C-alpha cells in the first residue's frame, strides 16, 4: 500500500481536493508509468506537467542534443543546456520540480528495432515528435503492443491531437501512410509559434492524467484541431476502419517499419 507523506499530501492537495480525483486518483497517478517520445516542443510541457502532477515513472526517449533554436518553444531546456543531451536536461528539470518522480532516460531515437522493447513497461505513451515517419512508428508499435497513446502535431499556428486506446480509431485510420519525404514542411522549414507547443502539450498532459485516473472523456474517435490565429477549436469525429492496415480486421502490417525521413528532420526531429 502506498502511503503519502505529509509533504506529498500538501504538494498534491489541489488534486486531492478535486472530487473526481481525491486520494485514490492521486494514488493512480503516483503508480502510473508514462513514456514521452521526444523531449522537444510537445514533450517539454508534457514532462513538466506530468512531473508536477506526481506521475510515478516518466520515461523520455530522445537521441538529440539541445540546440539554441529549440529554446523558443522547448521550455524544459534552458540556455546553459545548449549542446547537452535533451534527455539529461529534461531529467534534471523534472527532478527539480518533483523529486518523487522516477525518470528513465533513453538517449536514442525510436526505431523499428527498439520501439516495442522500450514501450512494453509503460501504461501510456505520449507522441511528442514532429515528423511523420516516427508518428506512424509510434502508432504501429502501440497498436501491436496494445498500449494507449496520445498523438500530437504542430505546425505554424495550428495543432492537432487525438488519443488512442485499444479498440478505438488509430492514427492510420485517419492517415493511411506517411507523405513522401519533403512533401509536407516541418517546423524547421515552415516555423511554429512557440506557444502552440505549450497549448497542445498541456492538452496531451491532461489526456494522460485523465487516462491514469479514469476521469472524464478521452479524445478517442475524435481529432481535436485548433488554429491559434483565430482561436478556433474543432473536434472531428473519427471511427475505427475495418480495413485499417494495422488495427483493422485483417491487418497487413505485421512488422514495424522505419520510413524515410525528410532531410531536415535528421537534425530537428521534434
C-alpha atoms as a PDB file:
ATOM      1  CA  UNK A   1       0.000   0.000   0.000  1.00  0.00           C
ATOM      2  CA  UNK A   2       1.319   3.420  -0.977  1.00  0.00           C
ATOM      3  CA  UNK A   3       1.193   5.963   1.845  1.00  0.00           C
ATOM      4  CA  UNK A   4       1.572   9.646   1.047  1.00  0.00           C
ATOM      5  CA  UNK A   5       3.803  11.651   3.355  1.00  0.00           C
ATOM      6  CA  UNK A   6       2.594  14.910   4.856  1.00  0.00           C
ATOM      7  CA  UNK A   7       4.689  16.818   2.305  1.00  0.00           C
ATOM      8  CA  UNK A   8       3.198  14.819  -0.559  1.00  0.00           C
ATOM      9  CA  UNK A   9      -0.339  15.408   0.661  1.00  0.00           C
ATOM     10  CA  UNK A  10       0.459  19.115   0.730  1.00  0.00           C
ATOM     11  CA  UNK A  11       2.120  19.005  -2.705  1.00  0.00           C
ATOM     12  CA  UNK A  12      -0.831  17.255  -4.350  1.00  0.00           C
ATOM     13  CA  UNK A  13      -3.543  18.902  -2.250  1.00  0.00           C
ATOM     14  CA  UNK A  14      -5.207  20.628  -5.216  1.00  0.00           C
ATOM     15  CA  UNK A  15      -5.634  17.267  -6.923  1.00  0.00           C
ATOM     16  CA  UNK A  16      -6.809  15.588  -3.750  1.00  0.00           C
ATOM     17  CA  UNK A  17      -9.408  18.330  -3.252  1.00  0.00           C
ATOM     18  CA  UNK A  18     -10.935  17.504  -6.641  1.00  0.00           C
ATOM     19  CA  UNK A  19     -13.972  15.309  -6.059  1.00  0.00           C
ATOM     20  CA  UNK A  20     -13.232  13.260  -9.199  1.00  0.00           C
ATOM     21  CA  UNK A  21      -9.590  12.686  -8.250  1.00  0.00           C
ATOM     22  CA  UNK A  22      -9.095  12.601  -4.479  1.00  0.00           C
ATOM     23  CA  UNK A  23      -6.507  10.436  -2.743  1.00  0.00           C
ATOM     24  CA  UNK A  24      -7.437   7.400  -4.838  1.00  0.00           C
ATOM     25  CA  UNK A  25      -6.876   9.280  -8.089  1.00  0.00           C
ATOM     26  CA  UNK A  26      -3.590  10.720  -6.878  1.00  0.00           C
ATOM     27  CA  UNK A  27      -2.503   7.218  -5.946  1.00  0.00           C
ATOM     28  CA  UNK A  28      -3.220   6.081  -9.521  1.00  0.00           C
ATOM     29  CA  UNK A  29      -1.092   8.962 -10.807  1.00  0.00           C
ATOM     30  CA  UNK A  30       1.734   8.047  -8.433  1.00  0.00           C
ATOM     31  CA  UNK A  31       1.640   4.449  -9.640  1.00  0.00           C
ATOM     32  CA  UNK A  32       1.471   5.466 -13.308  1.00  0.00           C
ATOM     33  CA  UNK A  33       4.235   4.860 -15.832  1.00  0.00           C
ATOM     34  CA  UNK A  34       4.280   7.226 -18.820  1.00  0.00           C
ATOM     35  CA  UNK A  35       6.658   7.231 -21.784  1.00  0.00           C
ATOM     36  CA  UNK A  36       7.287  10.531 -23.582  1.00  0.00           C
ATOM     37  CA  UNK A  37       8.818  10.142 -27.031  1.00  0.00           C
ATOM     38  CA  UNK A  38      10.612  13.380 -27.860  1.00  0.00           C
ATOM     39  CA  UNK A  39      11.871  15.939 -25.339  1.00  0.00           C
ATOM     40  CA  UNK A  40      11.101  18.848 -27.635  1.00  0.00           C
ATOM     41  CA  UNK A  41       8.272  21.318 -28.143  1.00  0.00           C
ATOM     42  CA  UNK A  42       5.472  18.941 -27.144  1.00  0.00           C
ATOM     43  CA  UNK A  43       7.417  16.645 -24.842  1.00  0.00           C
ATOM     44  CA  UNK A  44       8.677  19.577 -22.762  1.00  0.00           C
ATOM     45  CA  UNK A  45       5.309  20.804 -21.400  1.00  0.00           C
ATOM     46  CA  UNK A  46       4.029  17.233 -21.139  1.00  0.00           C
ATOM     47  CA  UNK A  47       7.016  16.268 -18.980  1.00  0.00           C
ATOM     48  CA  UNK A  48       6.753  19.362 -16.804  1.00  0.00           C
ATOM     49  CA  UNK A  49       3.056  18.934 -16.052  1.00  0.00           C
ATOM     50  CA  UNK A  50       3.221  15.185 -15.528  1.00  0.00           C
ATOM     51  CA  UNK A  51       6.156  15.661 -13.161  1.00  0.00           C
ATOM     52  CA  UNK A  52       4.279  18.350 -11.256  1.00  0.00           C
ATOM     53  CA  UNK A  53       1.237  16.061 -11.094  1.00  0.00           C
ATOM     54  CA  UNK A  54       3.290  13.324  -9.450  1.00  0.00           C
ATOM     55  CA  UNK A  55       3.385  10.632 -12.142  1.00  0.00           C
ATOM     56  CA  UNK A  56       5.496   7.910 -10.538  1.00  0.00           C
ATOM     57  CA  UNK A  57       7.653   6.941 -13.511  1.00  0.00           C
ATOM     58  CA  UNK A  58       8.373   9.052 -16.584  1.00  0.00           C
ATOM     59  CA  UNK A  59      10.423   7.643 -19.445  1.00  0.00           C
ATOM     60  CA  UNK A  60      11.933  10.030 -22.005  1.00  0.00           C
ATOM     61  CA  UNK A  61      13.168   8.947 -25.431  1.00  0.00           C
ATOM     62  CA  UNK A  62      15.355  11.362 -27.411  1.00  0.00           C
ATOM     63  CA  UNK A  63      18.718  10.975 -29.103  1.00  0.00           C
ATOM     64  CA  UNK A  64      19.225  14.674 -29.825  1.00  0.00           C
ATOM     65  CA  UNK A  65      21.074  17.494 -28.065  1.00  0.00           C
ATOM     66  CA  UNK A  66      19.689  20.907 -27.175  1.00  0.00           C
ATOM     67  CA  UNK A  67      20.102  23.489 -29.946  1.00  0.00           C
ATOM     68  CA  UNK A  68      19.768  27.244 -29.490  1.00  0.00           C
ATOM     69  CA  UNK A  69      16.820  27.260 -31.922  1.00  0.00           C
ATOM     70  CA  UNK A  70      14.958  24.825 -29.639  1.00  0.00           C
ATOM     71  CA  UNK A  71      14.678  27.291 -26.765  1.00  0.00           C
ATOM     72  CA  UNK A  72      11.912  29.288 -28.443  1.00  0.00           C
ATOM     73  CA  UNK A  73       9.408  26.516 -27.633  1.00  0.00           C
ATOM     74  CA  UNK A  74      11.098  23.639 -25.766  1.00  0.00           C
ATOM     75  CA  UNK A  75      10.598  25.137 -22.320  1.00  0.00           C
ATOM     76  CA  UNK A  76      12.165  22.323 -20.313  1.00  0.00           C
ATOM     77  CA  UNK A  77      15.593  23.331 -21.670  1.00  0.00           C
ATOM     78  CA  UNK A  78      17.477  26.480 -20.612  1.00  0.00           C
ATOM     79  CA  UNK A  79      20.267  28.464 -22.289  1.00  0.00           C
ATOM     80  CA  UNK A  80      23.074  26.692 -20.371  1.00  0.00           C
ATOM     81  CA  UNK A  81      21.685  23.370 -21.678  1.00  0.00           C
ATOM     82  CA  UNK A  82      22.686  24.071 -25.288  1.00  0.00           C
ATOM     83  CA  UNK A  83      24.651  21.073 -26.632  1.00  0.00           C
ATOM     84  CA  UNK A  84      23.574  18.859 -23.704  1.00  0.00           C
ATOM     85  CA  UNK A  85      21.589  15.675 -24.442  1.00  0.00           C
ATOM     86  CA  UNK A  86      17.915  16.563 -24.241  1.00  0.00           C
ATOM     87  CA  UNK A  87      17.119  13.598 -22.022  1.00  0.00           C
ATOM     88  CA  UNK A  88      19.699  14.729 -19.442  1.00  0.00           C
ATOM     89  CA  UNK A  89      18.415  18.296 -19.470  1.00  0.00           C
ATOM     90  CA  UNK A  90      14.800  17.127 -19.158  1.00  0.00           C
ATOM     91  CA  UNK A  91      15.553  14.693 -16.336  1.00  0.00           C
ATOM     92  CA  UNK A  92      17.296  17.444 -14.367  1.00  0.00           C
ATOM     93  CA  UNK A  93      14.276  19.787 -14.597  1.00  0.00           C
ATOM     94  CA  UNK A  94      11.798  17.029 -13.766  1.00  0.00           C
ATOM     95  CA  UNK A  95      13.724  16.147 -10.622  1.00  0.00           C
ATOM     96  CA  UNK A  96      13.916  19.816  -9.635  1.00  0.00           C
ATOM     97  CA  UNK A  97      10.148  20.126  -9.977  1.00  0.00           C
ATOM     98  CA  UNK A  98       9.389  16.876  -8.196  1.00  0.00           C
ATOM     99  CA  UNK A  99      11.974  14.551  -6.636  1.00  0.00           C
ATOM    100  CA  UNK A 100       9.239  11.922  -6.186  1.00  0.00           C
ATOM    101  CA  UNK A 101       9.373  11.104  -9.905  1.00  0.00           C
ATOM    102  CA  UNK A 102      11.487   8.217 -11.174  1.00  0.00           C
ATOM    103  CA  UNK A 103      12.902   9.361 -14.530  1.00  0.00           C
ATOM    104  CA  UNK A 104      14.186   6.776 -17.015  1.00  0.00           C
ATOM    105  CA  UNK A 105      16.103   8.160 -19.983  1.00  0.00           C
ATOM    106  CA  UNK A 106      16.710   6.617 -23.396  1.00  0.00           C
ATOM    107  CA  UNK A 107      19.449   8.550 -25.174  1.00  0.00           C
ATOM    108  CA  UNK A 108      18.440   7.241 -28.588  1.00  0.00           C
ATOM    109  CA  UNK A 109      15.856   7.772 -31.289  1.00  0.00           C
ATOM    110  CA  UNK A 110      12.861   5.457 -31.536  1.00  0.00           C
ATOM    111  CA  UNK A 111      13.296   2.885 -34.318  1.00  0.00           C
ATOM    112  CA  UNK A 112      11.592  -0.265 -35.532  1.00  0.00           C
ATOM    113  CA  UNK A 113      14.247  -2.244 -33.673  1.00  0.00           C
ATOM    114  CA  UNK A 114      13.851  -0.697 -30.206  1.00  0.00           C
ATOM    115  CA  UNK A 115      10.250   0.580 -30.130  1.00  0.00           C
ATOM    116  CA  UNK A 116       8.456  -2.481 -28.760  1.00  0.00           C
ATOM    117  CA  UNK A 117      11.128  -3.131 -26.157  1.00  0.00           C
ATOM    118  CA  UNK A 118      11.030   0.475 -24.906  1.00  0.00           C
ATOM    119  CA  UNK A 119       7.247   0.857 -24.676  1.00  0.00           C
ATOM    120  CA  UNK A 120       6.474  -2.535 -23.131  1.00  0.00           C
ATOM    121  CA  UNK A 121       6.755  -1.456 -19.476  1.00  0.00           C
ATOM    122  CA  UNK A 122       4.642   1.729 -19.714  1.00  0.00           C
ATOM    123  CA  UNK A 123       0.943   2.353 -19.122  1.00  0.00           C
ATOM    124  CA  UNK A 124       0.608   5.256 -21.558  1.00  0.00           C
ATOM    125  CA  UNK A 125       2.716   6.699 -24.393  1.00  0.00           C
ATOM    126  CA  UNK A 126       2.907  10.341 -25.496  1.00  0.00           C
ATOM    127  CA  UNK A 127       3.946  11.187 -29.064  1.00  0.00           C
ATOM    128  CA  UNK A 128       5.993  14.384 -28.800  1.00  0.00           C
ATOM    129  CA  UNK A 129       7.714  14.084 -32.190  1.00  0.00           C
ATOM    130  CA  UNK A 130       7.259  16.307 -35.202  1.00  0.00           C
ATOM    131  CA  UNK A 131       7.964  14.023 -38.150  1.00  0.00           C
ATOM    132  CA  UNK A 132       5.566  11.671 -39.852  1.00  0.00           C
ATOM    133  CA  UNK A 133       7.739   8.529 -40.044  1.00  0.00           C
ATOM    134  CA  UNK A 134       8.126   8.328 -36.260  1.00  0.00           C
ATOM    135  CA  UNK A 135       4.458   9.164 -35.678  1.00  0.00           C
ATOM    136  CA  UNK A 136       3.467   6.149 -37.765  1.00  0.00           C
ATOM    137  CA  UNK A 137       6.069   4.040 -35.964  1.00  0.00           C
ATOM    138  CA  UNK A 138       4.643   5.067 -32.571  1.00  0.00           C
ATOM    139  CA  UNK A 139       1.124   4.302 -33.737  1.00  0.00           C
ATOM    140  CA  UNK A 140       2.029   0.887 -35.122  1.00  0.00           C
ATOM    141  CA  UNK A 141       4.095  -0.113 -32.095  1.00  0.00           C
ATOM    142  CA  UNK A 142       1.360   0.952 -29.659  1.00  0.00           C
ATOM    143  CA  UNK A 143      -1.371  -0.845 -31.631  1.00  0.00           C
ATOM    144  CA  UNK A 144       0.738  -4.016 -31.797  1.00  0.00           C
ATOM    145  CA  UNK A 145       1.526  -3.844 -28.072  1.00  0.00           C
ATOM    146  CA  UNK A 146      -1.977  -2.800 -27.014  1.00  0.00           C
ATOM    147  CA  UNK A 147      -0.679   0.444 -25.498  1.00  0.00           C
ATOM    148  CA  UNK A 148      -2.805   3.613 -25.326  1.00  0.00           C
ATOM    149  CA  UNK A 149      -1.135   6.778 -26.575  1.00  0.00           C
ATOM    150  CA  UNK A 150      -1.641  10.472 -27.247  1.00  0.00           C
ATOM    151  CA  UNK A 151      -0.858  11.757 -30.733  1.00  0.00           C
ATOM    152  CA  UNK A 152       0.113  15.394 -31.155  1.00  0.00           C
ATOM    153  CA  UNK A 153       1.281  17.527 -34.060  1.00  0.00           C
ATOM    154  CA  UNK A 154       2.002  21.238 -34.510  1.00  0.00           C
ATOM    155  CA  UNK A 155       2.957  23.488 -37.425  1.00  0.00           C
ATOM    156  CA  UNK A 156       2.953  27.269 -37.841  1.00  0.00           C
ATOM    157  CA  UNK A 157      -0.140  28.379 -35.833  1.00  0.00           C
ATOM    158  CA  UNK A 158      -2.003  25.065 -35.787  1.00  0.00           C
ATOM    159  CA  UNK A 159      -2.147  21.938 -33.679  1.00  0.00           C
ATOM    160  CA  UNK A 160      -3.943  18.612 -33.641  1.00  0.00           C
ATOM    161  CA  UNK A 161      -4.276  15.761 -31.161  1.00  0.00           C
ATOM    162  CA  UNK A 162      -6.145  12.521 -30.602  1.00  0.00           C
ATOM    163  CA  UNK A 163      -5.976   9.695 -28.078  1.00  0.00           C
ATOM    164  CA  UNK A 164      -5.820   6.035 -28.963  1.00  0.00           C
ATOM    165  CA  UNK A 165      -6.890   3.171 -26.733  1.00  0.00           C
ATOM    166  CA  UNK A 166      -7.196  -0.420 -27.962  1.00  0.00           C
ATOM    167  CA  UNK A 167     -10.426  -0.697 -29.938  1.00  0.00           C
ATOM    168  CA  UNK A 168     -10.653   2.972 -30.931  1.00  0.00           C
ATOM    169  CA  UNK A 169      -9.557   4.622 -34.175  1.00  0.00           C
ATOM    170  CA  UNK A 170      -5.784   4.683 -34.544  1.00  0.00           C
ATOM    171  CA  UNK A 171      -3.620   7.214 -36.383  1.00  0.00           C
ATOM    172  CA  UNK A 172      -3.643   5.091 -39.549  1.00  0.00           C
ATOM    173  CA  UNK A 173      -7.442   5.055 -39.540  1.00  0.00           C
ATOM    174  CA  UNK A 174      -7.191   8.779 -40.303  1.00  0.00           C
ATOM    175  CA  UNK A 175      -3.902   8.984 -42.183  1.00  0.00           C
ATOM    176  CA  UNK A 176      -3.146   5.823 -44.130  1.00  0.00           C
ATOM    177  CA  UNK A 177       0.563   6.326 -44.914  1.00  0.00           C
ATOM    178  CA  UNK A 178       3.280   8.944 -44.280  1.00  0.00           C
ATOM    179  CA  UNK A 179       3.533  11.584 -47.015  1.00  0.00           C
ATOM    180  CA  UNK A 180       6.596  11.411 -49.276  1.00  0.00           C
ATOM    181  CA  UNK A 181       9.750  12.969 -47.757  1.00  0.00           C
ATOM    182  CA  UNK A 182       9.712  16.787 -48.025  1.00  0.00           C
ATOM    183  CA  UNK A 183       6.106  16.792 -49.332  1.00  0.00           C
ATOM    184  CA  UNK A 184       4.931  18.449 -46.091  1.00  0.00           C
ATOM    185  CA  UNK A 185       7.099  21.086 -44.378  1.00  0.00           C
ATOM    186  CA  UNK A 186       8.362  20.503 -40.854  1.00  0.00           C
ATOM    187  CA  UNK A 187       8.687  23.073 -38.074  1.00  0.00           C
ATOM    188  CA  UNK A 188      12.308  23.639 -39.038  1.00  0.00           C
ATOM    189  CA  UNK A 189      11.179  24.520 -42.576  1.00  0.00           C
ATOM    190  CA  UNK A 190       7.900  26.366 -42.041  1.00  0.00           C
ATOM    191  CA  UNK A 191       8.248  27.596 -38.464  1.00  0.00           C
ATOM    192  CA  UNK A 192       5.951  27.309 -35.473  1.00  0.00           C
ATOM    193  CA  UNK A 193       4.652  29.790 -32.907  1.00  0.00           C
ATOM    194  CA  UNK A 194       6.345  28.653 -29.699  1.00  0.00           C
ATOM    195  CA  UNK A 195       3.253  28.912 -27.515  1.00  0.00           C
ATOM    196  CA  UNK A 196       1.418  26.452 -29.795  1.00  0.00           C
ATOM    197  CA  UNK A 197       3.658  23.703 -28.440  1.00  0.00           C
ATOM    198  CA  UNK A 198       2.607  24.622 -24.919  1.00  0.00           C
ATOM    199  CA  UNK A 199      -1.075  24.686 -25.828  1.00  0.00           C
ATOM    200  CA  UNK A 200      -1.012  21.245 -27.383  1.00  0.00           C
ATOM    201  CA  UNK A 201       1.433  19.710 -24.913  1.00  0.00           C
ATOM    202  CA  UNK A 202      -0.744  20.626 -21.951  1.00  0.00           C
ATOM    203  CA  UNK A 203      -3.745  19.051 -23.675  1.00  0.00           C
ATOM    204  CA  UNK A 204      -1.708  15.872 -24.114  1.00  0.00           C
ATOM    205  CA  UNK A 205      -0.695  16.003 -20.448  1.00  0.00           C
ATOM    206  CA  UNK A 206      -4.351  16.371 -19.447  1.00  0.00           C
ATOM    207  CA  UNK A 207      -5.303  13.366 -21.592  1.00  0.00           C
ATOM    208  CA  UNK A 208      -2.557  11.346 -19.902  1.00  0.00           C
ATOM    209  CA  UNK A 209      -3.792  12.234 -16.415  1.00  0.00           C
ATOM    210  CA  UNK A 210      -7.385  11.506 -17.425  1.00  0.00           C
ATOM    211  CA  UNK A 211      -6.320   8.078 -18.623  1.00  0.00           C
ATOM    212  CA  UNK A 212      -4.383   7.296 -15.447  1.00  0.00           C
ATOM    213  CA  UNK A 213      -7.196   8.400 -13.146  1.00  0.00           C
ATOM    214  CA  UNK A 214     -10.136   7.247 -15.260  1.00  0.00           C
ATOM    215  CA  UNK A 215     -11.666  10.716 -15.010  1.00  0.00           C
ATOM    216  CA  UNK A 216     -13.535  12.352 -17.871  1.00  0.00           C
ATOM    217  CA  UNK A 217     -13.872  11.514 -21.536  1.00  0.00           C
ATOM    218  CA  UNK A 218     -10.749  10.877 -23.606  1.00  0.00           C
ATOM    219  CA  UNK A 219     -10.211  12.209 -27.125  1.00  0.00           C
ATOM    220  CA  UNK A 220     -10.827   8.792 -28.627  1.00  0.00           C
ATOM    221  CA  UNK A 221     -12.517   8.567 -32.032  1.00  0.00           C
ATOM    222  CA  UNK A 222     -12.116  12.330 -32.282  1.00  0.00           C
ATOM    223  CA  UNK A 223      -9.395  14.546 -33.727  1.00  0.00           C
ATOM    224  CA  UNK A 224      -9.080  17.887 -31.948  1.00  0.00           C
ATOM    225  CA  UNK A 225      -7.650  20.666 -34.105  1.00  0.00           C
ATOM    226  CA  UNK A 226      -7.076  24.335 -33.384  1.00  0.00           C
ATOM    227  CA  UNK A 227      -5.853  27.467 -35.106  1.00  0.00           C
ATOM    228  CA  UNK A 228      -4.280  29.952 -32.714  1.00  0.00           C
ATOM    229  CA  UNK A 229      -4.700  32.857 -35.143  1.00  0.00           C
ATOM    230  CA  UNK A 230      -8.456  32.710 -34.671  1.00  0.00           C
ATOM    231  CA  UNK A 231      -8.551  30.528 -31.524  1.00  0.00           C
ATOM    232  CA  UNK A 232     -10.972  28.242 -33.305  1.00  0.00           C
ATOM    233  CA  UNK A 233     -11.092  24.717 -31.871  1.00  0.00           C
ATOM    234  CA  UNK A 234     -12.764  21.903 -33.774  1.00  0.00           C
ATOM    235  CA  UNK A 235     -13.445  18.249 -32.985  1.00  0.00           C
ATOM    236  CA  UNK A 236     -13.697  15.907 -35.964  1.00  0.00           C
ATOM    237  CA  UNK A 237     -15.428  12.578 -35.376  1.00  0.00           C
ATOM    238  CA  UNK A 238     -13.438   9.549 -36.471  1.00  0.00           C
ATOM    239  CA  UNK A 239     -14.037   5.826 -36.383  1.00  0.00           C
ATOM    240  CA  UNK A 240     -12.034   2.648 -36.455  1.00  0.00           C
ATOM    241  CA  UNK A 241     -11.746   1.452 -40.030  1.00  0.00           C
ATOM    242  CA  UNK A 242     -12.392  -2.222 -40.636  1.00  0.00           C
ATOM    243  CA  UNK A 243      -9.805  -2.096 -43.446  1.00  0.00           C
ATOM    244  CA  UNK A 244      -7.140  -0.270 -41.423  1.00  0.00           C
ATOM    245  CA  UNK A 245      -3.803  -1.922 -42.243  1.00  0.00           C
ATOM    246  CA  UNK A 246      -2.739  -2.070 -38.584  1.00  0.00           C
ATOM    247  CA  UNK A 247      -5.857  -2.182 -36.355  1.00  0.00           C
ATOM    248  CA  UNK A 248      -8.465  -3.497 -38.816  1.00  0.00           C
ATOM    249  CA  UNK A 249      -9.967  -6.974 -39.079  1.00  0.00           C
ATOM    250  CA  UNK A 250      -7.233  -8.281 -41.358  1.00  0.00           C
ATOM    251  CA  UNK A 251      -4.088  -6.246 -40.666  1.00  0.00           C
ATOM    252  CA  UNK A 252      -1.499  -6.212 -43.434  1.00  0.00           C
ATOM    253  CA  UNK A 253       1.162  -4.508 -41.303  1.00  0.00           C
ATOM    254  CA  UNK A 254       2.655  -7.150 -39.053  1.00  0.00           C
ATOM    255  CA  UNK A 255       6.172  -5.770 -38.538  1.00  0.00           C
ATOM    256  CA  UNK A 256       7.447  -2.295 -37.687  1.00  0.00           C
ATOM    257  CA  UNK A 257       8.923  -0.179 -40.472  1.00  0.00           C
ATOM    258  CA  UNK A 258      11.292   2.798 -40.448  1.00  0.00           C
ATOM    259  CA  UNK A 259      10.006   5.148 -43.131  1.00  0.00           C
ATOM    260  CA  UNK A 260      12.364   7.567 -44.860  1.00  0.00           C
ATOM    261  CA  UNK A 261      12.985  10.825 -43.020  1.00  0.00           C
ATOM    262  CA  UNK A 262      12.891  14.247 -44.629  1.00  0.00           C
ATOM    263  CA  UNK A 263      16.432  15.641 -44.761  1.00  0.00           C
ATOM    264  CA  UNK A 264      15.830  18.495 -42.328  1.00  0.00           C
ATOM    265  CA  UNK A 265      14.217  16.109 -39.838  1.00  0.00           C
ATOM    266  CA  UNK A 266      17.531  14.435 -39.209  1.00  0.00           C
ATOM    267  CA  UNK A 267      18.674  17.465 -37.213  1.00  0.00           C
ATOM    268  CA  UNK A 268      15.456  18.840 -35.729  1.00  0.00           C
ATOM    269  CA  UNK A 269      13.189  15.892 -35.047  1.00  0.00           C
ATOM    270  CA  UNK A 270      10.796  17.427 -32.545  1.00  0.00           C
END
